[in-house]
Amino acid sequence: MGDIWPMRAIRVPEDFVPVDRFAKESSHWVEWVETSGRPVVVTRRGRAVAVVVAPDDYFGMSESLGVLKNLAVEMQRGKAPLTLEAHAKRGPAARKKAAARAKRSAR
């Protein structure tokens, strides 16, 4: 299994752009994310307010976080956690069921 965060490293100040500039040049920045594979951090008054990432990176992070949450729930219940590979092979239905269990147990 590959890295959990496969995105390329952010380069300051190249990958940071003020929100007013981003608004004027949004098409350019979206194309830049597509071609460079690196995220763009949008800032307001010097603070990060948004990050533009490629869809594959975003959905990969979301899936990885879901796997980690499910593993944490299994560990809290005292179950031996599945390996990441075994967890990934369980399929979407099993992952959805595990996520619902995790949500119920968090209440």
PDB file of N, CA and C in Angstrom:
ATOM      1  N   MET A   1       0.857  -1.177   0.000  1.00  0.00           N
ATOM      2  CA  MET A   1       0.000   0.000   0.000  1.00  0.00           C
ATOM      3  C   MET A   1       0.898   1.232   0.000  1.00  0.00           C
ATOM      4  N   GLY A   2       0.527   2.273  -0.764  1.00  0.00           N
ATOM      5  CA  GLY A   2       1.365   3.459  -0.894  1.00  0.00           C
ATOM      6  C   GLY A   2       1.284   4.371   0.308  1.00  0.00           C
ATOM      7  N   ASP A   3       1.881   5.522   0.139  1.00  0.00           N
ATOM      8  CA  ASP A   3       1.847   6.520   1.208  1.00  0.00           C
ATOM      9  C   ASP A   3       0.413   6.933   1.485  1.00  0.00           C
ATOM     10  N   ILE A   4       0.149   7.280   2.740  1.00  0.00           N
ATOM     11  CA  ILE A   4      -1.177   7.768   3.099  1.00  0.00           C
ATOM     12  C   ILE A   4      -1.410   9.139   2.479  1.00  0.00           C
ATOM     13  N   TRP A   5      -0.407   9.983   2.431  1.00  0.00           N
ATOM     14  CA  TRP A   5      -0.518  11.328   1.868  1.00  0.00           C
ATOM     15  C   TRP A   5       0.380  11.412   0.642  1.00  0.00           C
ATOM     16  N   PRO A   6      -0.103  11.019  -0.522  1.00  0.00           N
ATOM     17  CA  PRO A   6       0.751  10.978  -1.700  1.00  0.00           C
ATOM     18  C   PRO A   6       0.999  12.324  -2.364  1.00  0.00           C
ATOM     19  N   MET A   7       0.415  13.405  -1.836  1.00  0.00           N
ATOM     20  CA  MET A   7       0.606  14.712  -2.462  1.00  0.00           C
ATOM     21  C   MET A   7       2.066  15.151  -2.381  1.00  0.00           C
ATOM     22  N   ARG A   8       2.448  15.954  -3.344  1.00  0.00           N
ATOM     23  CA  ARG A   8       3.793  16.516  -3.310  1.00  0.00           C
ATOM     24  C   ARG A   8       3.867  17.603  -2.252  1.00  0.00           C
ATOM     25  N   ALA A   9       5.053  17.876  -1.770  1.00  0.00           N
ATOM     26  CA  ALA A   9       5.248  18.857  -0.703  1.00  0.00           C
ATOM     27  C   ALA A   9       4.862  20.260  -1.153  1.00  0.00           C
ATOM     28  N   ILE A  10       4.359  21.037  -0.214  1.00  0.00           N
ATOM     29  CA  ILE A  10       4.005  22.435  -0.481  1.00  0.00           C
ATOM     30  C   ILE A  10       5.278  23.263  -0.453  1.00  0.00           C
ATOM     31  N   ARG A  11       5.389  24.165  -1.413  1.00  0.00           N
ATOM     32  CA  ARG A  11       6.555  25.052  -1.471  1.00  0.00           C
ATOM     33  C   ARG A  11       6.113  26.474  -1.170  1.00  0.00           C
ATOM     34  N   VAL A  12       6.683  27.050  -0.140  1.00  0.00           N
ATOM     35  CA  VAL A  12       6.351  28.420   0.249  1.00  0.00           C
ATOM     36  C   VAL A  12       7.350  29.338  -0.434  1.00  0.00           C
ATOM     37  N   PRO A  13       6.992  30.478  -0.974  1.00  0.00           N
ATOM     38  CA  PRO A  13       5.654  31.041  -1.126  1.00  0.00           C
ATOM     39  C   PRO A  13       4.980  30.637  -2.422  1.00  0.00           C
ATOM     40  N   GLU A  14       5.629  29.808  -3.226  1.00  0.00           N
ATOM     41  CA  GLU A  14       5.112  29.428  -4.542  1.00  0.00           C
ATOM     42  C   GLU A  14       3.701  28.841  -4.489  1.00  0.00           C
ATOM     43  N   ASP A  15       3.383  28.056  -3.467  1.00  0.00           N
ATOM     44  CA  ASP A  15       2.091  27.378  -3.388  1.00  0.00           C
ATOM     45  C   ASP A  15       1.069  28.117  -2.529  1.00  0.00           C
ATOM     46  N   PHE A  16       1.396  29.303  -2.047  1.00  0.00           N
ATOM     47  CA  PHE A  16       0.476  30.118  -1.260  1.00  0.00           C
ATOM     48  C   PHE A  16       0.033  31.295  -2.113  1.00  0.00           C
ATOM     49  N   VAL A  17      -1.271  31.594  -2.091  1.00  0.00           N
ATOM     50  CA  VAL A  17      -1.779  32.706  -2.891  1.00  0.00           C
ATOM     51  C   VAL A  17      -2.863  33.433  -2.078  1.00  0.00           C
ATOM     52  N   PRO A  18      -2.811  34.764  -2.039  1.00  0.00           N
ATOM     53  CA  PRO A  18      -3.851  35.529  -1.340  1.00  0.00           C
ATOM     54  C   PRO A  18      -5.217  35.325  -2.009  1.00  0.00           C
ATOM     55  N   VAL A  19      -6.285  35.362  -1.221  1.00  0.00           N
ATOM     56  CA  VAL A  19      -7.628  35.069  -1.717  1.00  0.00           C
ATOM     57  C   VAL A  19      -8.055  36.014  -2.845  1.00  0.00           C
ATOM     58  N   ASP A  20      -7.704  37.301  -2.774  1.00  0.00           N
ATOM     59  CA  ASP A  20      -8.105  38.221  -3.841  1.00  0.00           C
ATOM     60  C   ASP A  20      -7.415  37.873  -5.158  1.00  0.00           C
ATOM     61  N   ARG A  21      -6.160  37.479  -5.091  1.00  0.00           N
ATOM     62  CA  ARG A  21      -5.437  37.061  -6.295  1.00  0.00           C
ATOM     63  C   ARG A  21      -6.004  35.741  -6.814  1.00  0.00           C
ATOM     64  N   PHE A  22      -6.314  34.815  -5.896  1.00  0.00           N
ATOM     65  CA  PHE A  22      -6.892  33.538  -6.303  1.00  0.00           C
ATOM     66  C   PHE A  22      -8.218  33.751  -7.030  1.00  0.00           C
ATOM     67  N   ALA A  23      -9.038  34.674  -6.521  1.00  0.00           N
ATOM     68  CA  ALA A  23     -10.337  34.949  -7.145  1.00  0.00           C
ATOM     69  C   ALA A  23     -10.163  35.444  -8.580  1.00  0.00           C
ATOM     70  N   LYS A  24      -9.177  36.286  -8.804  1.00  0.00           N
ATOM     71  CA  LYS A  24      -8.937  36.841 -10.148  1.00  0.00           C
ATOM     72  C   LYS A  24      -8.327  35.806 -11.084  1.00  0.00           C
ATOM     73  N   GLU A  25      -7.529  34.892 -10.540  1.00  0.00           N
ATOM     74  CA  GLU A  25      -6.769  33.947 -11.361  1.00  0.00           C
ATOM     75  C   GLU A  25      -7.163  32.489 -11.104  1.00  0.00           C
ATOM     76  N   SER A  26      -8.397  32.244 -10.683  1.00  0.00           N
ATOM     77  CA  SER A  26      -8.792  30.896 -10.269  1.00  0.00           C
ATOM     78  C   SER A  26      -8.567  29.847 -11.352  1.00  0.00           C
ATOM     79  N   SER A  27      -8.864  30.187 -12.579  1.00  0.00           N
ATOM     80  CA  SER A  27      -8.660  29.229 -13.679  1.00  0.00           C
ATOM     81  C   SER A  27      -7.190  28.821 -13.779  1.00  0.00           C
ATOM     82  N   HIS A  28      -6.305  29.794 -13.669  1.00  0.00           N
ATOM     83  CA  HIS A  28      -4.860  29.518 -13.704  1.00  0.00           C
ATOM     84  C   HIS A  28      -4.462  28.583 -12.568  1.00  0.00           C
ATOM     85  N   TRP A  29      -4.950  28.844 -11.345  1.00  0.00           N
ATOM     86  CA  TRP A  29      -4.545  28.047 -10.186  1.00  0.00           C
ATOM     87  C   TRP A  29      -5.082  26.621 -10.254  1.00  0.00           C
ATOM     88  N   VAL A  30      -6.310  26.477 -10.772  1.00  0.00           N
ATOM     89  CA  VAL A  30      -6.866  25.128 -10.932  1.00  0.00           C
ATOM     90  C   VAL A  30      -6.024  24.341 -11.940  1.00  0.00           C
ATOM     91  N   GLU A  31      -5.678  24.970 -13.033  1.00  0.00           N
ATOM     92  CA  GLU A  31      -4.816  24.309 -14.030  1.00  0.00           C
ATOM     93  C   GLU A  31      -3.454  23.973 -13.427  1.00  0.00           C
ATOM     94  N   TRP A  32      -2.931  24.864 -12.606  1.00  0.00           N
ATOM     95  CA  TRP A  32      -1.629  24.648 -11.972  1.00  0.00           C
ATOM     96  C   TRP A  32      -1.666  23.430 -11.045  1.00  0.00           C
ATOM     97  N   VAL A  33      -2.765  23.277 -10.279  1.00  0.00           N
ATOM     98  CA  VAL A  33      -2.921  22.115  -9.398  1.00  0.00           C
ATOM     99  C   VAL A  33      -2.953  20.843 -10.242  1.00  0.00           C
ATOM    100  N   GLU A  34      -3.687  20.887 -11.359  1.00  0.00           N
ATOM    101  CA  GLU A  34      -3.774  19.719 -12.242  1.00  0.00           C
ATOM    102  C   GLU A  34      -2.413  19.318 -12.808  1.00  0.00           C
ATOM    103  N   THR A  35      -1.650  20.291 -13.251  1.00  0.00           N
ATOM    104  CA  THR A  35      -0.386  19.968 -13.912  1.00  0.00           C
ATOM    105  C   THR A  35       0.756  19.702 -12.945  1.00  0.00           C
ATOM    106  N   SER A  36       0.808  20.407 -11.823  1.00  0.00           N
ATOM    107  CA  SER A  36       1.918  20.230 -10.883  1.00  0.00           C
ATOM    108  C   SER A  36       1.668  19.094  -9.901  1.00  0.00           C
ATOM    109  N   GLY A  37       0.396  18.803  -9.636  1.00  0.00           N
ATOM    110  CA  GLY A  37       0.068  17.791  -8.642  1.00  0.00           C
ATOM    111  C   GLY A  37       0.217  18.286  -7.210  1.00  0.00           C
ATOM    112  N   ARG A  38       0.547  19.565  -7.040  1.00  0.00           N
ATOM    113  CA  ARG A  38       0.729  20.120  -5.696  1.00  0.00           C
ATOM    114  C   ARG A  38      -0.489  20.952  -5.308  1.00  0.00           C
ATOM    115  N   PRO A  39      -0.838  20.968  -4.034  1.00  0.00           N
ATOM    116  CA  PRO A  39      -1.969  21.792  -3.595  1.00  0.00           C
ATOM    117  C   PRO A  39      -1.607  23.271  -3.582  1.00  0.00           C
ATOM    118  N   VAL A  40      -2.628  24.114  -3.620  1.00  0.00           N
ATOM    119  CA  VAL A  40      -2.454  25.562  -3.488  1.00  0.00           C
ATOM    120  C   VAL A  40      -3.158  25.973  -2.201  1.00  0.00           C
ATOM    121  N   VAL A  41      -2.461  26.706  -1.357  1.00  0.00           N
ATOM    122  CA  VAL A  41      -3.028  27.199  -0.106  1.00  0.00           C
ATOM    123  C   VAL A  41      -3.485  28.631  -0.335  1.00  0.00           C
ATOM    124  N   VAL A  42      -4.775  28.875  -0.123  1.00  0.00           N
ATOM    125  CA  VAL A  42      -5.348  30.211  -0.300  1.00  0.00           C
ATOM    126  C   VAL A  42      -5.327  30.898   1.067  1.00  0.00           C
ATOM    127  N   THR A  43      -4.813  32.126   1.086  1.00  0.00           N
ATOM    128  CA  THR A  43      -4.657  32.842   2.355  1.00  0.00           C
ATOM    129  C   THR A  43      -5.506  34.114   2.390  1.00  0.00           C
ATOM    130  N   ARG A  44      -5.848  34.512   3.608  1.00  0.00           N
ATOM    131  CA  ARG A  44      -6.521  35.794   3.852  1.00  0.00           C
ATOM    132  C   ARG A  44      -5.814  36.425   5.044  1.00  0.00           C
ATOM    133  N   ARG A  45      -5.294  37.623   4.847  1.00  0.00           N
ATOM    134  CA  ARG A  45      -4.533  38.323   5.886  1.00  0.00           C
ATOM    135  C   ARG A  45      -3.403  37.460   6.437  1.00  0.00           C
ATOM    136  N   GLY A  46      -2.765  36.703   5.550  1.00  0.00           N
ATOM    137  CA  GLY A  46      -1.611  35.906   5.937  1.00  0.00           C
ATOM    138  C   GLY A  46      -1.928  34.563   6.581  1.00  0.00           C
ATOM    139  N   ARG A  47      -3.227  34.227   6.738  1.00  0.00           N
ATOM    140  CA  ARG A  47      -3.620  32.948   7.346  1.00  0.00           C
ATOM    141  C   ARG A  47      -4.258  32.053   6.301  1.00  0.00           C
ATOM    142  N   ALA A  48      -3.955  30.774   6.340  1.00  0.00           N
ATOM    143  CA  ALA A  48      -4.543  29.823   5.407  1.00  0.00           C
ATOM    144  C   ALA A  48      -6.042  29.711   5.665  1.00  0.00           C
ATOM    145  N   VAL A  49      -6.860  29.828   4.600  1.00  0.00           N
ATOM    146  CA  VAL A  49      -8.309  29.712   4.738  1.00  0.00           C
ATOM    147  C   VAL A  49      -8.878  28.585   3.869  1.00  0.00           C
ATOM    148  N   ALA A  50      -8.122  28.113   2.892  1.00  0.00           N
ATOM    149  CA  ALA A  50      -8.594  27.035   2.022  1.00  0.00           C
ATOM    150  C   ALA A  50      -7.394  26.385   1.342  1.00  0.00           C
ATOM    151  N   VAL A  51      -7.631  25.167   0.891  1.00  0.00           N
ATOM    152  CA  VAL A  51      -6.593  24.444   0.143  1.00  0.00           C
ATOM    153  C   VAL A  51      -7.261  23.843  -1.086  1.00  0.00           C
ATOM    154  N   VAL A  52      -6.658  24.056  -2.237  1.00  0.00           N
ATOM    155  CA  VAL A  52      -7.156  23.477  -3.481  1.00  0.00           C
ATOM    156  C   VAL A  52      -6.253  22.293  -3.803  1.00  0.00           C
ATOM    157  N   VAL A  53      -6.863  21.108  -3.899  1.00  0.00           N
ATOM    158  CA  VAL A  53      -6.096  19.890  -4.193  1.00  0.00           C
ATOM    159  C   VAL A  53      -6.744  19.154  -5.348  1.00  0.00           C
ATOM    160  N   ALA A  54      -5.983  18.274  -5.983  1.00  0.00           N
ATOM    161  CA  ALA A  54      -6.498  17.434  -7.053  1.00  0.00           C
ATOM    162  C   ALA A  54      -7.529  16.459  -6.466  1.00  0.00           C
ATOM    163  N   PRO A  55      -8.564  16.111  -7.217  1.00  0.00           N
ATOM    164  CA  PRO A  55      -9.595  15.203  -6.707  1.00  0.00           C
ATOM    165  C   PRO A  55      -9.048  13.866  -6.212  1.00  0.00           C
ATOM    166  N   ASP A  56      -8.103  13.285  -6.927  1.00  0.00           N
ATOM    167  CA  ASP A  56      -7.540  12.005  -6.491  1.00  0.00           C
ATOM    168  C   ASP A  56      -6.886  12.128  -5.118  1.00  0.00           C
ATOM    169  N   ASP A  57      -6.187  13.223  -4.891  1.00  0.00           N
ATOM    170  CA  ASP A  57      -5.558  13.433  -3.584  1.00  0.00           C
ATOM    171  C   ASP A  57      -6.611  13.592  -2.498  1.00  0.00           C
ATOM    172  N   TYR A  58      -7.652  14.374  -2.795  1.00  0.00           N
ATOM    173  CA  TYR A  58      -8.708  14.605  -1.809  1.00  0.00           C
ATOM    174  C   TYR A  58      -9.410  13.304  -1.433  1.00  0.00           C
ATOM    175  N   PHE A  59      -9.853  12.563  -2.444  1.00  0.00           N
ATOM    176  CA  PHE A  59     -10.589  11.327  -2.156  1.00  0.00           C
ATOM    177  C   PHE A  59      -9.676  10.275  -1.535  1.00  0.00           C
ATOM    178  N   GLY A  60      -8.398  10.278  -1.899  1.00  0.00           N
ATOM    179  CA  GLY A  60      -7.451   9.353  -1.272  1.00  0.00           C
ATOM    180  C   GLY A  60      -7.278   9.655   0.206  1.00  0.00           C
ATOM    181  N   MET A  61      -7.196  10.944   0.543  1.00  0.00           N
ATOM    182  CA  MET A  61      -7.080  11.331   1.956  1.00  0.00           C
ATOM    183  C   MET A  61      -8.340  10.950   2.719  1.00  0.00           C
ATOM    184  N   SER A  62      -9.507  11.198   2.122  1.00  0.00           N
ATOM    185  CA  SER A  62     -10.769  10.879   2.788  1.00  0.00           C
ATOM    186  C   SER A  62     -10.876   9.392   3.077  1.00  0.00           C
ATOM    187  N   GLU A  63     -10.506   8.577   2.092  1.00  0.00           N
ATOM    188  CA  GLU A  63     -10.568   7.127   2.287  1.00  0.00           C
ATOM    189  C   GLU A  63      -9.576   6.679   3.357  1.00  0.00           C
ATOM    190  N   SER A  64      -8.371   7.238   3.331  1.00  0.00           N
ATOM    191  CA  SER A  64      -7.366   6.880   4.335  1.00  0.00           C
ATOM    192  C   SER A  64      -7.823   7.236   5.733  1.00  0.00           C
ATOM    193  N   LEU A  65      -8.438   8.409   5.887  1.00  0.00           N
ATOM    194  CA  LEU A  65      -8.943   8.813   7.197  1.00  0.00           C
ATOM    195  C   LEU A  65     -10.051   7.882   7.667  1.00  0.00           C
ATOM    196  N   GLY A  66     -10.915   7.460   6.745  1.00  0.00           N
ATOM    197  CA  GLY A  66     -11.979   6.522   7.098  1.00  0.00           C
ATOM    198  C   GLY A  66     -11.418   5.201   7.591  1.00  0.00           C
ATOM    199  N   VAL A  67     -10.397   4.706   6.924  1.00  0.00           N
ATOM    200  CA  VAL A  67      -9.755   3.456   7.335  1.00  0.00           C
ATOM    201  C   VAL A  67      -9.160   3.612   8.732  1.00  0.00           C
ATOM    202  N   LEU A  68      -8.470   4.715   8.966  1.00  0.00           N
ATOM    203  CA  LEU A  68      -7.846   4.939  10.268  1.00  0.00           C
ATOM    204  C   LEU A  68      -8.889   5.067  11.374  1.00  0.00           C
ATOM    205  N   LYS A  69     -10.004   5.738  11.093  1.00  0.00           N
ATOM    206  CA  LYS A  69     -11.065   5.849  12.098  1.00  0.00           C
ATOM    207  C   LYS A  69     -11.634   4.476  12.445  1.00  0.00           C
ATOM    208  N   ASN A  70     -11.867   3.657  11.426  1.00  0.00           N
ATOM    209  CA  ASN A  70     -12.396   2.314  11.670  1.00  0.00           C
ATOM    210  C   ASN A  70     -11.413   1.471  12.470  1.00  0.00           C
ATOM    211  N   LEU A  71     -10.137   1.591  12.167  1.00  0.00           N
ATOM    212  CA  LEU A  71      -9.126   0.855  12.927  1.00  0.00           C
ATOM    213  C   LEU A  71      -9.127   1.297  14.392  1.00  0.00           C
ATOM    214  N   ALA A  72      -9.253   2.600  14.618  1.00  0.00           N
ATOM    215  CA  ALA A  72      -9.273   3.117  15.994  1.00  0.00           C
ATOM    216  C   ALA A  72     -10.481   2.582  16.758  1.00  0.00           C
ATOM    217  N   VAL A  73     -11.641   2.523  16.105  1.00  0.00           N
ATOM    218  CA  VAL A  73     -12.848   2.003  16.756  1.00  0.00           C
ATOM    219  C   VAL A  73     -12.658   0.536  17.120  1.00  0.00           C
ATOM    220  N   GLU A  74     -12.105  -0.247  16.190  1.00  0.00           N
ATOM    221  CA  GLU A  74     -11.875  -1.662  16.460  1.00  0.00           C
ATOM    222  C   GLU A  74     -10.908  -1.846  17.624  1.00  0.00           C
ATOM    223  N   MET A  75      -9.902  -1.010  17.697  1.00  0.00           N
ATOM    224  CA  MET A  75      -8.932  -1.107  18.793  1.00  0.00           C
ATOM    225  C   MET A  75      -9.583  -0.733  20.122  1.00  0.00           C
ATOM    226  N   GLN A  76     -10.455   0.292  20.127  1.00  0.00           N
ATOM    227  CA  GLN A  76     -11.147   0.696  21.356  1.00  0.00           C
ATOM    228  C   GLN A  76     -12.062  -0.409  21.870  1.00  0.00           C
ATOM    229  N   ARG A  77     -12.616  -1.174  20.978  1.00  0.00           N
ATOM    230  CA  ARG A  77     -13.487  -2.285  21.363  1.00  0.00           C
ATOM    231  C   ARG A  77     -12.693  -3.494  21.830  1.00  0.00           C
ATOM    232  N   GLY A  78     -11.389  -3.433  21.726  1.00  0.00           N
ATOM    233  CA  GLY A  78     -10.553  -4.541  22.153  1.00  0.00           C
ATOM    234  C   GLY A  78     -10.383  -5.613  21.096  1.00  0.00           C
ATOM    235  N   LYS A  79     -10.875  -5.337  19.897  1.00  0.00           N
ATOM    236  CA  LYS A  79     -10.698  -6.293  18.811  1.00  0.00           C
ATOM    237  C   LYS A  79      -9.305  -6.124  18.229  1.00  0.00           C
ATOM    238  N   ALA A  80      -8.776  -7.214  17.723  1.00  0.00           N
ATOM    239  CA  ALA A  80      -7.515  -7.116  16.999  1.00  0.00           C
ATOM    240  C   ALA A  80      -7.829  -6.423  15.675  1.00  0.00           C
ATOM    241  N   PRO A  81      -7.205  -5.288  15.420  1.00  0.00           N
ATOM    242  CA  PRO A  81      -7.520  -4.564  14.188  1.00  0.00           C
ATOM    243  C   PRO A  81      -7.042  -5.324  12.962  1.00  0.00           C
ATOM    244  N   LEU A  82      -7.782  -5.140  11.872  1.00  0.00           N
ATOM    245  CA  LEU A  82      -7.371  -5.715  10.602  1.00  0.00           C
ATOM    246  C   LEU A  82      -6.149  -4.973  10.092  1.00  0.00           C
ATOM    247  N   THR A  83      -5.367  -5.630   9.282  1.00  0.00           N
ATOM    248  CA  THR A  83      -4.279  -4.909   8.620  1.00  0.00           C
ATOM    249  C   THR A  83      -4.913  -3.949   7.619  1.00  0.00           C
ATOM    250  N   LEU A  84      -4.181  -2.950   7.182  1.00  0.00           N
ATOM    251  CA  LEU A  84      -4.715  -2.001   6.208  1.00  0.00           C
ATOM    252  C   LEU A  84      -5.125  -2.718   4.926  1.00  0.00           C
ATOM    253  N   GLU A  85      -4.332  -3.709   4.514  1.00  0.00           N
ATOM    254  CA  GLU A  85      -4.645  -4.443   3.290  1.00  0.00           C
ATOM    255  C   GLU A  85      -5.949  -5.220   3.449  1.00  0.00           C
ATOM    256  N   ALA A  86      -6.120  -5.892   4.582  1.00  0.00           N
ATOM    257  CA  ALA A  86      -7.340  -6.669   4.824  1.00  0.00           C
ATOM    258  C   ALA A  86      -8.552  -5.740   4.911  1.00  0.00           C
ATOM    259  N   HIS A  87      -8.357  -4.597   5.536  1.00  0.00           N
ATOM    260  CA  HIS A  87      -9.445  -3.632   5.657  1.00  0.00           C
ATOM    261  C   HIS A  87      -9.866  -3.138   4.274  1.00  0.00           C
ATOM    262  N   ALA A  88      -8.902  -2.847   3.419  1.00  0.00           N
ATOM    263  CA  ALA A  88      -9.195  -2.353   2.076  1.00  0.00           C
ATOM    264  C   ALA A  88      -9.920  -3.406   1.244  1.00  0.00           C
ATOM    265  N   LYS A  89      -9.644  -4.686   1.480  1.00  0.00           N
ATOM    266  CA  LYS A  89     -10.265  -5.762   0.709  1.00  0.00           C
ATOM    267  C   LYS A  89     -11.697  -6.042   1.131  1.00  0.00           C
ATOM    268  N   ARG A  90     -12.126  -5.514   2.274  1.00  0.00           N
ATOM    269  CA  ARG A  90     -13.470  -5.787   2.773  1.00  0.00           C
ATOM    270  C   ARG A  90     -14.548  -5.221   1.861  1.00  0.00           C
ATOM    271  N   GLY A  91     -14.233  -4.223   1.077  1.00  0.00           N
ATOM    272  CA  GLY A  91     -15.201  -3.659   0.140  1.00  0.00           C
ATOM    273  C   GLY A  91     -15.985  -2.502   0.721  1.00  0.00           C
ATOM    274  N   PRO A  92     -16.639  -1.737  -0.151  1.00  0.00           N
ATOM    275  CA  PRO A  92     -17.353  -0.531   0.266  1.00  0.00           C
ATOM    276  C   PRO A  92     -18.508  -0.808   1.225  1.00  0.00           C
ATOM    277  N   ALA A  93     -19.241  -1.903   1.027  1.00  0.00           N
ATOM    278  CA  ALA A  93     -20.388  -2.182   1.907  1.00  0.00           C
ATOM    279  C   ALA A  93     -19.923  -2.421   3.334  1.00  0.00           C
ATOM    280  N   ALA A  94     -18.860  -3.197   3.500  1.00  0.00           N
ATOM    281  CA  ALA A  94     -18.335  -3.475   4.837  1.00  0.00           C
ATOM    282  C   ALA A  94     -17.772  -2.207   5.466  1.00  0.00           C
ATOM    283  N   ARG A  95     -17.120  -1.363   4.654  1.00  0.00           N
ATOM    284  CA  ARG A  95     -16.573  -0.109   5.190  1.00  0.00           C
ATOM    285  C   ARG A  95     -17.700   0.824   5.618  1.00  0.00           C
ATOM    286  N   LYS A  96     -18.801   0.847   4.846  1.00  0.00           N
ATOM    287  CA  LYS A  96     -19.939   1.697   5.187  1.00  0.00           C
ATOM    288  C   LYS A  96     -20.573   1.224   6.507  1.00  0.00           C
ATOM    289  N   LYS A  97     -20.699  -0.087   6.659  1.00  0.00           N
ATOM    290  CA  LYS A  97     -21.259  -0.666   7.881  1.00  0.00           C
ATOM    291  C   LYS A  97     -20.365  -0.338   9.080  1.00  0.00           C
ATOM    292  N   ALA A  98     -19.040  -0.452   8.903  1.00  0.00           N
ATOM    293  CA  ALA A  98     -18.102  -0.141   9.983  1.00  0.00           C
ATOM    294  C   ALA A  98     -18.167   1.341  10.342  1.00  0.00           C
ATOM    295  N   ALA A  99     -18.327   2.203   9.342  1.00  0.00           N
ATOM    296  CA  ALA A  99     -18.424   3.640   9.604  1.00  0.00           C
ATOM    297  C   ALA A  99     -19.684   3.958  10.399  1.00  0.00           C
ATOM    298  N   ALA A 100     -20.791   3.279  10.087  1.00  0.00           N
ATOM    299  CA  ALA A 100     -22.041   3.494  10.834  1.00  0.00           C
ATOM    300  C   ALA A 100     -21.870   3.039  12.276  1.00  0.00           C
ATOM    301  N   ARG A 101     -21.188   1.901  12.485  1.00  0.00           N
ATOM    302  CA  ARG A 101     -20.914   1.423  13.859  1.00  0.00           C
ATOM    303  C   ARG A 101     -20.060   2.435  14.602  1.00  0.00           C
ATOM    304  N   ALA A 102     -19.060   2.978  13.911  1.00  0.00           N
ATOM    305  CA  ALA A 102     -18.160   3.956  14.544  1.00  0.00           C
ATOM    306  C   ALA A 102     -18.944   5.191  14.959  1.00  0.00           C
ATOM    307  N   LYS A 103     -19.863   5.629  14.106  1.00  0.00           N
ATOM    308  CA  LYS A 103     -20.664   6.809  14.403  1.00  0.00           C
ATOM    309  C   LYS A 103     -21.556   6.566  15.638  1.00  0.00           C
ATOM    310  N   ARG A 104     -22.176   5.370  15.692  1.00  0.00           N
ATOM    311  CA  ARG A 104     -23.030   5.032  16.838  1.00  0.00           C
ATOM    312  C   ARG A 104     -22.226   4.966  18.138  1.00  0.00           C
ATOM    313  N   SER A 105     -21.040   4.379  18.069  1.00  0.00           N
ATOM    314  CA  SER A 105     -20.242   4.230  19.294  1.00  0.00           C
ATOM    315  C   SER A 105     -19.653   5.561  19.760  1.00  0.00           C
ATOM    316  N   ALA A 106     -19.560   6.527  18.860  1.00  0.00           N
ATOM    317  CA  ALA A 106     -19.020   7.846  19.229  1.00  0.00           C
ATOM    318  C   ALA A 106     -20.043   8.671  20.008  1.00  0.00           C
ATOM    319  N   ARG A 107     -21.304   8.287  19.946  1.00  0.00           N
ATOM    320  CA  ARG A 107     -22.360   9.057  20.635  1.00  0.00           C
ATOM    321  C   ARG A 107     -22.321   8.883  22.101  1.00  0.00           C
TER     322      ARG A 107
END
